[in-house]
Amino acid sequence: MESQILNERSHRIIYTDRCYTANELQQAGNFLTTQFNGKELSEIRRELLIAFDQERHTRMSYDQAIAAVDVTAKLLSEALVEE
C-alpha cells in the first residue's frame, strides 16, 4: 500500500501580548511554510527549540558585548577626566 500524506489545516485563534498587522502575519505564515512544509510537528518543534536556544545564546553574547563596551567607554572617559 502507498502511504498517504494528509494535508490538514487547523484554524485557531491564539492570543498574544501584542497585536500584529496583516503583513506581519502574512510574513510569518510565508516563513513557516517555507521552513517547515512537509515536516512532522515533532520535527518542527525540535528545530524551533534548537533555533530558540541558539538565538538565546547569540543574544546573551550580544548583551555581554554591549556591557563590555559600556564599561570600557566609562573607564576611558574617567581616565580622560583624570589626565
N, C-alpha and C. Protein backbone atom coordinates (compact mmCIF):
# COMPACT_ATOMS: atom_id res chain seq x y z
N MET A 1 0.82 -1.20 0.00
CA MET A 1 0.00 0.00 0.00
C MET A 1 0.86 1.26 0.00
N GLU A 2 0.40 2.22 -0.71
CA GLU A 2 1.10 3.50 -0.73
C GLU A 2 0.73 4.30 0.52
N SER A 3 1.73 4.97 1.07
CA SER A 3 1.41 5.81 2.23
C SER A 3 0.78 7.11 1.75
N GLN A 4 -0.14 7.59 2.54
CA GLN A 4 -0.82 8.82 2.19
C GLN A 4 -0.35 9.93 3.12
N ILE A 5 -0.12 11.07 2.56
CA ILE A 5 0.23 12.24 3.35
C ILE A 5 -1.02 13.09 3.47
N LEU A 6 -1.43 13.30 4.71
CA LEU A 6 -2.61 14.11 4.94
C LEU A 6 -2.21 15.58 5.00
N ASN A 7 -2.90 16.37 4.27
CA ASN A 7 -2.62 17.80 4.23
C ASN A 7 -3.77 18.50 4.94
N GLU A 8 -3.69 18.56 6.26
CA GLU A 8 -4.76 19.14 7.05
C GLU A 8 -4.38 20.53 7.52
N ARG A 9 -5.36 21.38 7.62
CA ARG A 9 -5.17 22.71 8.18
C ARG A 9 -6.08 22.85 9.37
N SER A 10 -5.59 23.56 10.33
CA SER A 10 -6.38 23.82 11.52
C SER A 10 -6.43 25.33 11.73
N HIS A 11 -7.60 25.85 11.91
CA HIS A 11 -7.75 27.28 12.15
C HIS A 11 -8.07 27.48 13.62
N ARG A 12 -7.22 28.25 14.28
CA ARG A 12 -7.41 28.51 15.69
C ARG A 12 -7.15 29.98 15.97
N ILE A 13 -7.77 30.46 17.00
CA ILE A 13 -7.48 31.81 17.47
C ILE A 13 -6.46 31.67 18.59
N ILE A 14 -5.38 32.41 18.46
CA ILE A 14 -4.38 32.43 19.53
C ILE A 14 -4.28 33.86 20.05
N TYR A 15 -4.06 33.98 21.32
CA TYR A 15 -3.97 35.29 21.95
C TYR A 15 -2.51 35.59 22.25
N THR A 16 -2.09 36.80 21.90
CA THR A 16 -0.71 37.22 22.09
C THR A 16 -0.67 38.50 22.92
N ASP A 17 0.54 38.86 23.33
CA ASP A 17 0.71 40.07 24.14
C ASP A 17 0.61 41.35 23.33
N ARG A 18 0.72 41.24 22.02
CA ARG A 18 0.60 42.43 21.19
C ARG A 18 -0.18 42.11 19.93
N CYS A 19 -0.64 43.15 19.27
CA CYS A 19 -1.37 42.99 18.01
C CYS A 19 -0.38 42.93 16.86
N TYR A 20 -0.70 42.14 15.86
CA TYR A 20 0.14 42.00 14.67
C TYR A 20 -0.63 42.51 13.47
N THR A 21 0.09 43.13 12.55
CA THR A 21 -0.55 43.60 11.33
C THR A 21 -0.78 42.42 10.39
N ALA A 22 -1.63 42.62 9.43
CA ALA A 22 -1.88 41.58 8.43
C ALA A 22 -0.60 41.23 7.70
N ASN A 23 0.24 42.22 7.42
CA ASN A 23 1.51 41.99 6.74
C ASN A 23 2.45 41.14 7.59
N GLU A 24 2.52 41.43 8.88
CA GLU A 24 3.37 40.63 9.78
C GLU A 24 2.91 39.18 9.83
N LEU A 25 1.61 38.98 9.89
CA LEU A 25 1.08 37.63 9.93
C LEU A 25 1.34 36.89 8.61
N GLN A 26 1.22 37.61 7.50
CA GLN A 26 1.50 37.00 6.19
C GLN A 26 2.96 36.60 6.09
N GLN A 27 3.86 37.48 6.55
CA GLN A 27 5.29 37.17 6.52
C GLN A 27 5.61 35.96 7.40
N ALA A 28 5.00 35.91 8.58
CA ALA A 28 5.22 34.77 9.47
C ALA A 28 4.71 33.48 8.83
N GLY A 29 3.54 33.55 8.22
CA GLY A 29 2.99 32.38 7.53
C GLY A 29 3.87 31.92 6.39
N ASN A 30 4.37 32.86 5.61
CA ASN A 30 5.27 32.51 4.50
C ASN A 30 6.54 31.85 5.01
N PHE A 31 7.10 32.41 6.09
CA PHE A 31 8.32 31.85 6.68
C PHE A 31 8.07 30.43 7.15
N LEU A 32 6.99 30.22 7.89
CA LEU A 32 6.70 28.89 8.42
C LEU A 32 6.48 27.88 7.30
N THR A 33 5.77 28.29 6.26
CA THR A 33 5.52 27.40 5.13
C THR A 33 6.84 27.05 4.43
N THR A 34 7.69 28.05 4.22
CA THR A 34 8.97 27.82 3.55
C THR A 34 9.88 26.91 4.38
N GLN A 35 9.95 27.16 5.66
CA GLN A 35 10.87 26.42 6.52
C GLN A 35 10.41 25.01 6.87
N PHE A 36 9.10 24.82 7.02
CA PHE A 36 8.63 23.59 7.62
C PHE A 36 7.65 22.79 6.77
N ASN A 37 7.44 23.18 5.54
CA ASN A 37 6.49 22.48 4.68
C ASN A 37 6.85 20.99 4.58
N GLY A 38 5.86 20.14 4.84
CA GLY A 38 6.05 18.70 4.70
C GLY A 38 6.67 18.02 5.90
N LYS A 39 7.00 18.75 6.95
CA LYS A 39 7.64 18.16 8.12
C LYS A 39 6.60 17.81 9.19
N GLU A 40 6.92 16.82 9.98
CA GLU A 40 6.07 16.42 11.10
C GLU A 40 6.15 17.48 12.19
N LEU A 41 5.07 17.62 12.96
CA LEU A 41 5.05 18.60 14.04
C LEU A 41 6.17 18.38 15.05
N SER A 42 6.50 17.14 15.35
CA SER A 42 7.57 16.86 16.30
C SER A 42 8.92 17.36 15.77
N GLU A 43 9.15 17.23 14.48
CA GLU A 43 10.39 17.72 13.86
C GLU A 43 10.42 19.25 13.87
N ILE A 44 9.29 19.87 13.58
CA ILE A 44 9.20 21.33 13.60
C ILE A 44 9.49 21.84 15.00
N ARG A 45 8.88 21.21 15.99
CA ARG A 45 9.09 21.62 17.39
C ARG A 45 10.56 21.52 17.76
N ARG A 46 11.21 20.41 17.40
CA ARG A 46 12.62 20.21 17.71
C ARG A 46 13.48 21.28 17.04
N GLU A 47 13.23 21.57 15.78
CA GLU A 47 14.00 22.58 15.05
C GLU A 47 13.80 23.97 15.67
N LEU A 48 12.57 24.28 16.06
CA LEU A 48 12.30 25.58 16.68
C LEU A 48 12.99 25.71 18.02
N LEU A 49 12.97 24.66 18.82
CA LEU A 49 13.65 24.70 20.12
C LEU A 49 15.15 24.91 19.95
N ILE A 50 15.74 24.26 18.97
CA ILE A 50 17.18 24.44 18.70
C ILE A 50 17.44 25.88 18.25
N ALA A 51 16.61 26.41 17.36
CA ALA A 51 16.79 27.78 16.87
C ALA A 51 16.62 28.79 18.00
N PHE A 52 15.63 28.58 18.88
CA PHE A 52 15.42 29.50 20.00
C PHE A 52 16.61 29.46 20.95
N ASP A 53 17.15 28.26 21.18
CA ASP A 53 18.31 28.13 22.07
C ASP A 53 19.52 28.85 21.48
N GLN A 54 19.74 28.69 20.18
CA GLN A 54 20.85 29.37 19.51
C GLN A 54 20.67 30.88 19.58
N GLU A 55 19.44 31.35 19.38
CA GLU A 55 19.15 32.78 19.43
C GLU A 55 19.40 33.32 20.83
N ARG A 56 19.02 32.55 21.84
CA ARG A 56 19.22 32.98 23.21
C ARG A 56 20.71 33.13 23.50
N HIS A 57 21.54 32.18 23.02
CA HIS A 57 22.98 32.29 23.23
C HIS A 57 23.56 33.48 22.47
N THR A 58 23.08 33.70 21.26
CA THR A 58 23.54 34.85 20.48
C THR A 58 23.18 36.15 21.18
N ARG A 59 21.96 36.21 21.69
CA ARG A 59 21.52 37.42 22.40
C ARG A 59 22.33 37.64 23.67
N MET A 60 22.63 36.56 24.38
CA MET A 60 23.44 36.69 25.59
C MET A 60 24.83 37.22 25.24
N SER A 61 25.41 36.71 24.16
CA SER A 61 26.73 37.17 23.72
C SER A 61 26.67 38.64 23.34
N TYR A 62 25.62 39.03 22.64
CA TYR A 62 25.44 40.42 22.23
C TYR A 62 25.31 41.32 23.46
N ASP A 63 24.49 40.91 24.43
CA ASP A 63 24.30 41.68 25.65
C ASP A 63 25.62 41.82 26.42
N GLN A 64 26.40 40.75 26.46
CA GLN A 64 27.70 40.80 27.14
C GLN A 64 28.65 41.75 26.42
N ALA A 65 28.63 41.75 25.09
CA ALA A 65 29.50 42.65 24.32
C ALA A 65 29.10 44.10 24.56
N ILE A 66 27.81 44.38 24.59
CA ILE A 66 27.33 45.74 24.85
C ILE A 66 27.76 46.19 26.24
N ALA A 67 27.63 45.31 27.22
CA ALA A 67 28.05 45.64 28.59
C ALA A 67 29.54 45.93 28.63
N ALA A 68 30.33 45.14 27.91
CA ALA A 68 31.78 45.36 27.88
C ALA A 68 32.12 46.71 27.24
N VAL A 69 31.42 47.06 26.17
CA VAL A 69 31.65 48.35 25.52
C VAL A 69 31.27 49.49 26.46
N ASP A 70 30.15 49.35 27.17
CA ASP A 70 29.72 50.38 28.11
C ASP A 70 30.75 50.59 29.22
N VAL A 71 31.24 49.48 29.80
CA VAL A 71 32.23 49.57 30.87
C VAL A 71 33.52 50.19 30.35
N THR A 72 33.95 49.77 29.17
CA THR A 72 35.18 50.31 28.59
C THR A 72 35.04 51.80 28.31
N ALA A 73 33.91 52.21 27.77
CA ALA A 73 33.68 53.63 27.49
C ALA A 73 33.70 54.43 28.78
N LYS A 74 33.11 53.91 29.83
CA LYS A 74 33.10 54.61 31.12
C LYS A 74 34.51 54.72 31.67
N LEU A 75 35.26 53.63 31.61
CA LEU A 75 36.64 53.66 32.11
C LEU A 75 37.50 54.66 31.32
N LEU A 76 37.33 54.66 30.00
CA LEU A 76 38.10 55.59 29.17
C LEU A 76 37.72 57.04 29.45
N SER A 77 36.43 57.31 29.62
CA SER A 77 36.02 58.68 29.89
C SER A 77 36.52 59.13 31.26
N GLU A 78 36.52 58.23 32.24
CA GLU A 78 37.05 58.57 33.56
C GLU A 78 38.55 58.81 33.51
N ALA A 79 39.28 58.01 32.70
CA ALA A 79 40.72 58.17 32.55
C ALA A 79 41.05 59.52 31.91
N LEU A 80 40.24 59.95 30.94
CA LEU A 80 40.47 61.23 30.30
C LEU A 80 40.24 62.39 31.26
N VAL A 81 39.26 62.27 32.12
CA VAL A 81 38.96 63.31 33.09
C VAL A 81 40.11 63.44 34.09
N GLU A 82 40.70 62.32 34.48
CA GLU A 82 41.79 62.32 35.45
C GLU A 82 43.06 62.93 34.87
N GLU A 83 43.27 62.90 33.59
CA GLU A 83 44.51 63.40 32.98
C GLU A 83 44.53 64.87 32.91
